[in-house]
Amino acid sequence: MTETTLQQQVEHLTSIEAIKDLKARYCAFCDDGYDADGICSVFVPDGVFDGGEEFGVHQGHAAIHTFFSGVSSQITFAAHLVLNPVISVDGDRANAKWWLLMPCTLRDEGGQSEGRWLVSQYNDDMVRRDGVWRFQAVRAVVRFFVPHLEDWAERTIARDG
């Protein structure tokens, strides 16, 4: 086992806190009407947002911007509550896993609003460039996305492996 210096420990913990801040800013931009410019600012230029079957895969700032610019017309309120971070840092690369619990308001094509619950697991890859952490990839695995008064037990997506 290798010993780490106090300086290495401080750098490691500082990276973890910066990554938590990065995720918090991403969530704040989402909860502010899906601010597409803000969301793009936390991704590297060739970054990927992968929302799976529910929300699609979008690579690069232009595609990410287009996707999030359109989301606010469908999801008119969202509270991205991320929980239980598990963060691994290896130099200028990191991975973080989080749970998302999101109460939201969804507008259908007829203009009717419906309260919903979204529960997802995030699996994010980050890179540090010029001392700044940004997302290389944000992957959201939707476990359920149901009306707030509906039982989600029958609609929960089984956990992989």
N, C-alpha and C. Protein backbone atom coordinates (compact mmCIF):
# COMPACT_ATOMS: atom_id res chain seq x y z
N MET A 1 0.84 -1.17 0.00
CA MET A 1 0.00 0.00 0.00
C MET A 1 0.89 1.24 0.00
N THR A 2 0.57 2.20 -0.85
CA THR A 2 1.37 3.41 -0.90
C THR A 2 0.79 4.46 0.04
N GLU A 3 1.67 5.19 0.65
CA GLU A 3 1.26 6.26 1.55
C GLU A 3 0.98 7.51 0.73
N THR A 4 -0.04 8.24 1.14
CA THR A 4 -0.32 9.50 0.46
C THR A 4 0.09 10.64 1.38
N THR A 5 0.56 11.69 0.77
CA THR A 5 0.95 12.85 1.55
C THR A 5 -0.29 13.67 1.88
N LEU A 6 -0.13 14.55 2.81
CA LEU A 6 -1.22 15.45 3.16
C LEU A 6 -1.62 16.28 1.94
N GLN A 7 -0.66 16.71 1.16
CA GLN A 7 -0.94 17.48 -0.07
C GLN A 7 -1.80 16.66 -1.03
N GLN A 8 -1.49 15.38 -1.22
CA GLN A 8 -2.28 14.52 -2.11
C GLN A 8 -3.69 14.32 -1.57
N GLN A 9 -3.81 14.16 -0.26
CA GLN A 9 -5.13 14.00 0.33
C GLN A 9 -5.98 15.25 0.15
N VAL A 10 -5.37 16.40 0.36
CA VAL A 10 -6.08 17.67 0.18
C VAL A 10 -6.51 17.83 -1.27
N GLU A 11 -5.63 17.52 -2.23
CA GLU A 11 -5.98 17.62 -3.65
C GLU A 11 -7.13 16.67 -3.99
N HIS A 12 -7.09 15.45 -3.45
CA HIS A 12 -8.14 14.48 -3.70
C HIS A 12 -9.49 14.99 -3.16
N LEU A 13 -9.49 15.45 -1.93
CA LEU A 13 -10.73 15.96 -1.33
C LEU A 13 -11.22 17.23 -2.02
N THR A 14 -10.30 18.07 -2.45
CA THR A 14 -10.68 19.27 -3.20
C THR A 14 -11.34 18.90 -4.52
N SER A 15 -10.82 17.88 -5.18
CA SER A 15 -11.43 17.40 -6.44
C SER A 15 -12.84 16.88 -6.19
N ILE A 16 -13.02 16.11 -5.13
CA ILE A 16 -14.35 15.58 -4.82
C ILE A 16 -15.34 16.73 -4.57
N GLU A 17 -14.92 17.73 -3.83
CA GLU A 17 -15.81 18.87 -3.58
C GLU A 17 -16.10 19.64 -4.87
N ALA A 18 -15.12 19.78 -5.74
CA ALA A 18 -15.33 20.46 -7.01
C ALA A 18 -16.32 19.67 -7.89
N ILE A 19 -16.26 18.37 -7.84
CA ILE A 19 -17.17 17.52 -8.61
C ILE A 19 -18.59 17.62 -8.04
N LYS A 20 -18.73 17.67 -6.73
CA LYS A 20 -20.04 17.87 -6.12
C LYS A 20 -20.62 19.22 -6.56
N ASP A 21 -19.77 20.25 -6.57
CA ASP A 21 -20.19 21.57 -7.02
C ASP A 21 -20.59 21.55 -8.49
N LEU A 22 -19.84 20.84 -9.32
CA LEU A 22 -20.16 20.71 -10.74
C LEU A 22 -21.56 20.11 -10.91
N LYS A 23 -21.85 19.04 -10.19
CA LYS A 23 -23.17 18.40 -10.31
C LYS A 23 -24.26 19.33 -9.79
N ALA A 24 -23.99 20.04 -8.72
CA ALA A 24 -24.98 20.99 -8.18
C ALA A 24 -25.28 22.10 -9.18
N ARG A 25 -24.25 22.60 -9.88
CA ARG A 25 -24.47 23.64 -10.89
C ARG A 25 -25.28 23.10 -12.06
N TYR A 26 -24.96 21.87 -12.50
CA TYR A 26 -25.74 21.22 -13.56
C TYR A 26 -27.21 21.16 -13.15
N CYS A 27 -27.48 20.69 -11.93
CA CYS A 27 -28.86 20.57 -11.46
C CYS A 27 -29.53 21.95 -11.37
N ALA A 28 -28.81 22.95 -10.91
CA ALA A 28 -29.37 24.31 -10.82
C ALA A 28 -29.73 24.85 -12.20
N PHE A 29 -28.88 24.61 -13.19
CA PHE A 29 -29.21 25.04 -14.56
C PHE A 29 -30.45 24.30 -15.08
N CYS A 30 -30.55 23.02 -14.79
CA CYS A 30 -31.74 22.26 -15.19
C CYS A 30 -32.99 22.82 -14.52
N ASP A 31 -32.88 23.12 -13.24
CA ASP A 31 -34.04 23.61 -12.48
C ASP A 31 -34.37 25.06 -12.77
N ASP A 32 -33.52 25.73 -13.51
CA ASP A 32 -33.77 27.12 -13.93
C ASP A 32 -34.26 27.12 -15.39
N GLY A 33 -35.29 26.35 -15.65
CA GLY A 33 -35.88 26.32 -16.99
C GLY A 33 -35.01 25.63 -18.02
N TYR A 34 -34.17 24.72 -17.58
CA TYR A 34 -33.24 24.01 -18.47
C TYR A 34 -32.42 25.02 -19.27
N ASP A 35 -31.67 25.83 -18.54
CA ASP A 35 -30.78 26.85 -19.11
C ASP A 35 -29.72 26.17 -19.97
N ALA A 36 -29.97 26.11 -21.27
CA ALA A 36 -29.11 25.36 -22.19
C ALA A 36 -27.68 25.91 -22.23
N ASP A 37 -27.53 27.23 -22.18
CA ASP A 37 -26.18 27.81 -22.17
C ASP A 37 -25.44 27.39 -20.91
N GLY A 38 -26.11 27.47 -19.78
CA GLY A 38 -25.49 27.07 -18.52
C GLY A 38 -25.14 25.59 -18.51
N ILE A 39 -26.05 24.76 -19.00
CA ILE A 39 -25.79 23.32 -19.04
C ILE A 39 -24.57 23.03 -19.91
N CYS A 40 -24.50 23.65 -21.08
CA CYS A 40 -23.34 23.43 -21.96
C CYS A 40 -22.04 23.86 -21.29
N SER A 41 -22.10 24.87 -20.44
CA SER A 41 -20.88 25.37 -19.80
C SER A 41 -20.25 24.36 -18.85
N VAL A 42 -20.99 23.34 -18.41
CA VAL A 42 -20.43 22.36 -17.48
C VAL A 42 -19.99 21.08 -18.21
N PHE A 43 -20.10 21.07 -19.54
CA PHE A 43 -19.64 19.95 -20.36
C PHE A 43 -18.41 20.37 -21.16
N VAL A 44 -17.51 19.41 -21.43
CA VAL A 44 -16.45 19.65 -22.39
C VAL A 44 -17.11 19.76 -23.77
N PRO A 45 -16.45 20.41 -24.75
CA PRO A 45 -17.10 20.63 -26.05
C PRO A 45 -17.63 19.37 -26.73
N ASP A 46 -16.95 18.23 -26.57
CA ASP A 46 -17.42 16.99 -27.21
C ASP A 46 -18.16 16.08 -26.22
N GLY A 47 -18.64 16.66 -25.12
CA GLY A 47 -19.31 15.89 -24.08
C GLY A 47 -20.59 15.23 -24.56
N VAL A 48 -21.09 14.30 -23.73
CA VAL A 48 -22.28 13.51 -24.08
C VAL A 48 -23.29 13.58 -22.94
N PHE A 49 -24.54 13.85 -23.28
CA PHE A 49 -25.66 13.64 -22.38
C PHE A 49 -26.41 12.43 -22.91
N ASP A 50 -26.48 11.38 -22.09
CA ASP A 50 -27.15 10.14 -22.48
C ASP A 50 -28.30 9.91 -21.53
N GLY A 51 -29.52 10.21 -21.99
CA GLY A 51 -30.72 10.03 -21.18
C GLY A 51 -31.46 8.74 -21.50
N GLY A 52 -30.78 7.85 -22.22
CA GLY A 52 -31.38 6.55 -22.52
C GLY A 52 -32.60 6.67 -23.42
N GLU A 53 -33.44 5.65 -23.38
CA GLU A 53 -34.62 5.61 -24.23
C GLU A 53 -35.56 6.77 -23.96
N GLU A 54 -35.65 7.19 -22.72
CA GLU A 54 -36.60 8.25 -22.35
C GLU A 54 -36.21 9.62 -22.92
N PHE A 55 -34.90 9.95 -22.91
CA PHE A 55 -34.47 11.30 -23.28
C PHE A 55 -33.43 11.35 -24.40
N GLY A 56 -32.93 10.23 -24.87
CA GLY A 56 -32.01 10.18 -26.01
C GLY A 56 -30.57 10.49 -25.66
N VAL A 57 -29.72 10.36 -26.67
CA VAL A 57 -28.28 10.60 -26.55
C VAL A 57 -27.94 11.84 -27.38
N HIS A 58 -27.19 12.76 -26.77
CA HIS A 58 -26.86 14.02 -27.43
C HIS A 58 -25.38 14.30 -27.19
N GLN A 59 -24.60 14.41 -28.28
CA GLN A 59 -23.16 14.60 -28.16
C GLN A 59 -22.74 15.94 -28.73
N GLY A 60 -21.89 16.63 -27.98
CA GLY A 60 -21.36 17.93 -28.38
C GLY A 60 -22.27 19.06 -27.91
N HIS A 61 -21.68 20.23 -27.76
CA HIS A 61 -22.43 21.38 -27.25
C HIS A 61 -23.66 21.70 -28.08
N ALA A 62 -23.57 21.65 -29.40
CA ALA A 62 -24.72 22.01 -30.24
C ALA A 62 -25.89 21.07 -29.99
N ALA A 63 -25.64 19.77 -29.95
CA ALA A 63 -26.71 18.79 -29.74
C ALA A 63 -27.27 18.89 -28.31
N ILE A 64 -26.39 19.07 -27.34
CA ILE A 64 -26.83 19.20 -25.94
C ILE A 64 -27.69 20.46 -25.80
N HIS A 65 -27.24 21.55 -26.40
CA HIS A 65 -27.98 22.82 -26.34
C HIS A 65 -29.36 22.67 -26.97
N THR A 66 -29.43 22.07 -28.14
CA THR A 66 -30.71 21.87 -28.82
C THR A 66 -31.66 21.05 -27.96
N PHE A 67 -31.16 19.96 -27.40
CA PHE A 67 -32.01 19.10 -26.58
C PHE A 67 -32.56 19.86 -25.38
N PHE A 68 -31.68 20.49 -24.60
CA PHE A 68 -32.14 21.14 -23.37
C PHE A 68 -32.96 22.39 -23.66
N SER A 69 -32.75 23.04 -24.80
CA SER A 69 -33.59 24.18 -25.17
C SER A 69 -35.04 23.75 -25.37
N GLY A 70 -35.26 22.53 -25.86
CA GLY A 70 -36.61 22.04 -26.10
C GLY A 70 -37.28 21.42 -24.89
N VAL A 71 -36.49 20.97 -23.92
CA VAL A 71 -37.05 20.27 -22.77
C VAL A 71 -37.96 21.17 -21.94
N SER A 72 -37.63 22.46 -21.83
CA SER A 72 -38.40 23.35 -20.96
C SER A 72 -39.84 23.53 -21.43
N SER A 73 -40.13 23.24 -22.69
CA SER A 73 -41.52 23.32 -23.14
C SER A 73 -42.32 22.09 -22.71
N GLN A 74 -41.62 21.01 -22.37
CA GLN A 74 -42.29 19.79 -21.93
C GLN A 74 -42.25 19.63 -20.41
N ILE A 75 -41.11 19.90 -19.80
CA ILE A 75 -40.98 19.83 -18.34
C ILE A 75 -40.93 21.27 -17.85
N THR A 76 -42.06 21.73 -17.32
CA THR A 76 -42.19 23.15 -16.96
C THR A 76 -41.73 23.45 -15.54
N PHE A 77 -41.54 22.42 -14.74
CA PHE A 77 -40.98 22.55 -13.40
C PHE A 77 -40.18 21.29 -13.12
N ALA A 78 -39.00 21.46 -12.52
CA ALA A 78 -38.19 20.31 -12.13
C ALA A 78 -37.37 20.68 -10.91
N ALA A 79 -37.24 19.72 -10.01
CA ALA A 79 -36.36 19.86 -8.84
C ALA A 79 -35.44 18.65 -8.85
N HIS A 80 -34.23 18.84 -9.39
CA HIS A 80 -33.23 17.77 -9.47
C HIS A 80 -32.58 17.59 -8.10
N LEU A 81 -32.98 16.56 -7.40
CA LEU A 81 -32.44 16.28 -6.07
C LEU A 81 -31.50 15.09 -6.22
N VAL A 82 -30.19 15.35 -6.19
CA VAL A 82 -29.22 14.27 -6.34
C VAL A 82 -28.74 13.84 -4.97
N LEU A 83 -28.60 12.51 -4.83
CA LEU A 83 -28.33 11.92 -3.53
C LEU A 83 -27.24 10.87 -3.62
N ASN A 84 -26.62 10.58 -2.49
CA ASN A 84 -25.69 9.46 -2.32
C ASN A 84 -24.56 9.42 -3.34
N PRO A 85 -23.76 10.49 -3.44
CA PRO A 85 -22.66 10.46 -4.40
C PRO A 85 -21.59 9.43 -4.03
N VAL A 86 -21.14 8.72 -5.04
CA VAL A 86 -19.98 7.83 -4.92
C VAL A 86 -19.01 8.32 -5.98
N ILE A 87 -17.92 8.95 -5.55
CA ILE A 87 -17.02 9.65 -6.46
C ILE A 87 -15.64 9.02 -6.40
N SER A 88 -15.11 8.67 -7.57
CA SER A 88 -13.76 8.12 -7.69
C SER A 88 -12.93 9.08 -8.53
N VAL A 89 -11.79 9.49 -8.01
CA VAL A 89 -10.90 10.43 -8.71
C VAL A 89 -9.60 9.73 -9.00
N ASP A 90 -9.13 9.86 -10.25
CA ASP A 90 -7.85 9.31 -10.66
C ASP A 90 -7.14 10.37 -11.50
N GLY A 91 -6.35 11.19 -10.84
CA GLY A 91 -5.65 12.27 -11.53
C GLY A 91 -6.64 13.30 -12.07
N ASP A 92 -6.62 13.47 -13.41
CA ASP A 92 -7.50 14.45 -14.05
C ASP A 92 -8.77 13.82 -14.61
N ARG A 93 -9.09 12.62 -14.15
CA ARG A 93 -10.32 11.92 -14.56
C ARG A 93 -11.06 11.49 -13.32
N ALA A 94 -12.38 11.42 -13.46
CA ALA A 94 -13.19 10.99 -12.32
C ALA A 94 -14.48 10.36 -12.83
N ASN A 95 -15.10 9.59 -11.95
CA ASN A 95 -16.41 9.00 -12.20
C ASN A 95 -17.24 9.23 -10.95
N ALA A 96 -18.50 9.53 -11.16
CA ALA A 96 -19.41 9.72 -10.02
C ALA A 96 -20.74 9.06 -10.32
N LYS A 97 -21.28 8.42 -9.30
CA LYS A 97 -22.60 7.82 -9.39
C LYS A 97 -23.49 8.52 -8.37
N TRP A 98 -24.71 8.80 -8.76
CA TRP A 98 -25.67 9.51 -7.92
C TRP A 98 -27.05 8.92 -8.16
N TRP A 99 -27.94 9.11 -7.22
CA TRP A 99 -29.36 8.86 -7.44
C TRP A 99 -30.02 10.20 -7.68
N LEU A 100 -30.99 10.23 -8.58
CA LEU A 100 -31.80 11.43 -8.83
C LEU A 100 -33.23 11.14 -8.43
N LEU A 101 -33.78 11.98 -7.57
CA LEU A 101 -35.20 11.98 -7.24
C LEU A 101 -35.72 13.33 -7.72
N MET A 102 -36.65 13.30 -8.68
CA MET A 102 -37.06 14.56 -9.30
C MET A 102 -38.59 14.67 -9.37
N PRO A 103 -39.18 15.47 -8.47
CA PRO A 103 -40.57 15.85 -8.71
C PRO A 103 -40.57 16.86 -9.85
N CYS A 104 -41.55 16.76 -10.74
CA CYS A 104 -41.58 17.67 -11.88
C CYS A 104 -43.00 17.83 -12.40
N THR A 105 -43.18 18.82 -13.24
CA THR A 105 -44.44 19.06 -13.92
C THR A 105 -44.20 18.86 -15.41
N LEU A 106 -44.98 17.96 -15.99
CA LEU A 106 -44.85 17.62 -17.40
C LEU A 106 -46.07 18.16 -18.14
N ARG A 107 -45.84 18.87 -19.24
CA ARG A 107 -46.93 19.37 -20.07
C ARG A 107 -47.08 18.45 -21.27
N ASP A 108 -48.30 17.96 -21.49
CA ASP A 108 -48.52 17.07 -22.64
C ASP A 108 -48.79 17.90 -23.90
N GLU A 109 -48.96 17.22 -25.03
CA GLU A 109 -49.15 17.91 -26.31
C GLU A 109 -50.42 18.76 -26.33
N GLY A 110 -51.39 18.41 -25.51
CA GLY A 110 -52.63 19.18 -25.42
C GLY A 110 -52.55 20.36 -24.47
N GLY A 111 -51.39 20.57 -23.85
CA GLY A 111 -51.20 21.70 -22.95
C GLY A 111 -51.60 21.42 -21.51
N GLN A 112 -52.00 20.19 -21.20
CA GLN A 112 -52.36 19.82 -19.83
C GLN A 112 -51.10 19.53 -19.03
N SER A 113 -51.10 19.94 -17.77
CA SER A 113 -49.95 19.70 -16.90
C SER A 113 -50.23 18.54 -15.97
N GLU A 114 -49.18 17.78 -15.69
CA GLU A 114 -49.29 16.61 -14.83
C GLU A 114 -48.07 16.56 -13.92
N GLY A 115 -48.30 16.35 -12.62
CA GLY A 115 -47.19 16.16 -11.70
C GLY A 115 -46.64 14.75 -11.86
N ARG A 116 -45.31 14.63 -11.88
CA ARG A 116 -44.66 13.32 -12.05
C ARG A 116 -43.49 13.17 -11.11
N TRP A 117 -43.10 11.92 -10.93
CA TRP A 117 -41.88 11.55 -10.23
C TRP A 117 -40.94 10.89 -11.22
N LEU A 118 -39.71 11.33 -11.22
CA LEU A 118 -38.66 10.69 -12.02
C LEU A 118 -37.59 10.21 -11.03
N VAL A 119 -37.24 8.94 -11.14
CA VAL A 119 -36.13 8.40 -10.38
C VAL A 119 -35.15 7.80 -11.37
N SER A 120 -33.90 8.25 -11.30
CA SER A 120 -32.85 7.79 -12.20
C SER A 120 -31.57 7.55 -11.42
N GLN A 121 -30.68 6.83 -12.05
CA GLN A 121 -29.32 6.70 -11.56
C GLN A 121 -28.43 7.42 -12.56
N TYR A 122 -27.58 8.31 -12.04
CA TYR A 122 -26.59 8.98 -12.88
C TYR A 122 -25.27 8.22 -12.79
N ASN A 123 -24.58 8.14 -13.91
CA ASN A 123 -23.22 7.60 -13.97
C ASN A 123 -22.44 8.59 -14.83
N ASP A 124 -21.67 9.44 -14.18
CA ASP A 124 -21.01 10.56 -14.86
C ASP A 124 -19.51 10.36 -14.94
N ASP A 125 -18.94 10.77 -16.07
CA ASP A 125 -17.48 10.83 -16.23
C ASP A 125 -17.10 12.29 -16.36
N MET A 126 -16.07 12.68 -15.61
CA MET A 126 -15.58 14.05 -15.62
C MET A 126 -14.10 14.07 -15.97
N VAL A 127 -13.67 15.21 -16.54
CA VAL A 127 -12.26 15.44 -16.80
C VAL A 127 -11.90 16.83 -16.26
N ARG A 128 -10.65 16.97 -15.83
CA ARG A 128 -10.16 18.26 -15.37
C ARG A 128 -9.22 18.78 -16.44
N ARG A 129 -9.55 19.94 -16.96
CA ARG A 129 -8.70 20.61 -17.96
C ARG A 129 -8.44 22.02 -17.48
N ASP A 130 -7.18 22.40 -17.50
CA ASP A 130 -6.78 23.73 -17.02
C ASP A 130 -7.31 24.00 -15.62
N GLY A 131 -7.33 22.95 -14.79
CA GLY A 131 -7.74 23.09 -13.40
C GLY A 131 -9.23 23.11 -13.16
N VAL A 132 -10.04 22.93 -14.21
CA VAL A 132 -11.50 23.01 -14.07
C VAL A 132 -12.13 21.65 -14.42
N TRP A 133 -12.99 21.15 -13.52
CA TRP A 133 -13.71 19.90 -13.78
C TRP A 133 -14.94 20.18 -14.62
N ARG A 134 -15.12 19.33 -15.66
CA ARG A 134 -16.33 19.40 -16.50
C ARG A 134 -16.76 17.97 -16.82
N PHE A 135 -18.01 17.85 -17.26
CA PHE A 135 -18.53 16.54 -17.64
C PHE A 135 -18.01 16.13 -19.01
N GLN A 136 -17.53 14.91 -19.10
CA GLN A 136 -17.27 14.26 -20.38
C GLN A 136 -18.54 13.52 -20.79
N ALA A 137 -19.21 12.91 -19.81
CA ALA A 137 -20.46 12.20 -20.09
C ALA A 137 -21.34 12.21 -18.86
N VAL A 138 -22.61 12.49 -19.08
CA VAL A 138 -23.65 12.34 -18.07
C VAL A 138 -24.60 11.28 -18.61
N ARG A 139 -24.72 10.19 -17.86
CA ARG A 139 -25.62 9.10 -18.27
C ARG A 139 -26.69 8.95 -17.20
N ALA A 140 -27.95 9.02 -17.63
CA ALA A 140 -29.06 8.86 -16.70
C ALA A 140 -29.83 7.60 -17.07
N VAL A 141 -29.88 6.66 -16.14
CA VAL A 141 -30.66 5.45 -16.35
C VAL A 141 -31.98 5.64 -15.60
N VAL A 142 -33.06 5.82 -16.36
CA VAL A 142 -34.37 6.07 -15.76
C VAL A 142 -34.90 4.77 -15.15
N ARG A 143 -35.24 4.82 -13.88
CA ARG A 143 -35.84 3.67 -13.19
C ARG A 143 -37.36 3.74 -13.24
N PHE A 144 -37.92 4.94 -13.07
CA PHE A 144 -39.34 5.15 -13.35
C PHE A 144 -39.61 6.63 -13.53
N PHE A 145 -40.68 6.90 -14.31
CA PHE A 145 -41.13 8.26 -14.62
C PHE A 145 -42.64 8.18 -14.70
N VAL A 146 -43.30 8.42 -13.56
CA VAL A 146 -44.73 8.14 -13.44
C VAL A 146 -45.49 9.33 -12.87
N PRO A 147 -46.81 9.39 -13.15
CA PRO A 147 -47.64 10.41 -12.51
C PRO A 147 -47.53 10.31 -10.99
N HIS A 148 -47.60 11.45 -10.31
CA HIS A 148 -47.31 11.47 -8.87
C HIS A 148 -48.29 10.66 -8.03
N LEU A 149 -49.49 10.40 -8.50
CA LEU A 149 -50.44 9.61 -7.72
C LEU A 149 -50.48 8.15 -8.14
N GLU A 150 -49.64 7.77 -9.07
CA GLU A 150 -49.65 6.40 -9.57
C GLU A 150 -48.62 5.54 -8.84
N ASP A 151 -48.96 4.28 -8.65
CA ASP A 151 -48.03 3.33 -8.04
C ASP A 151 -46.93 3.01 -9.06
N TRP A 152 -45.69 3.19 -8.66
CA TRP A 152 -44.59 2.94 -9.59
C TRP A 152 -44.05 1.52 -9.53
N ALA A 153 -44.55 0.71 -8.62
CA ALA A 153 -43.99 -0.62 -8.42
C ALA A 153 -44.01 -1.47 -9.69
N GLU A 154 -45.07 -1.39 -10.46
CA GLU A 154 -45.16 -2.19 -11.68
C GLU A 154 -44.38 -1.58 -12.84
N ARG A 155 -43.94 -0.33 -12.69
CA ARG A 155 -43.25 0.35 -13.79
C ARG A 155 -41.77 0.56 -13.53
N THR A 156 -41.27 0.04 -12.44
CA THR A 156 -39.86 0.20 -12.11
C THR A 156 -39.02 -0.68 -13.03
N ILE A 157 -37.99 -0.10 -13.57
CA ILE A 157 -37.08 -0.83 -14.45
C ILE A 157 -36.09 -1.59 -13.56
N ALA A 158 -35.97 -2.88 -13.80
CA ALA A 158 -35.08 -3.70 -12.99
C ALA A 158 -33.65 -3.20 -13.09
N ARG A 159 -32.94 -3.35 -12.02
CA ARG A 159 -31.55 -2.94 -11.96
C ARG A 159 -30.68 -3.89 -12.77
N ASP A 160 -29.79 -3.34 -13.55
CA ASP A 160 -28.87 -4.15 -14.35
C ASP A 160 -27.86 -4.82 -13.43
N GLY A 161 -27.59 -6.10 -13.72
CA GLY A 161 -26.54 -6.88 -13.05
C GLY A 161 -26.53 -6.73 -11.61
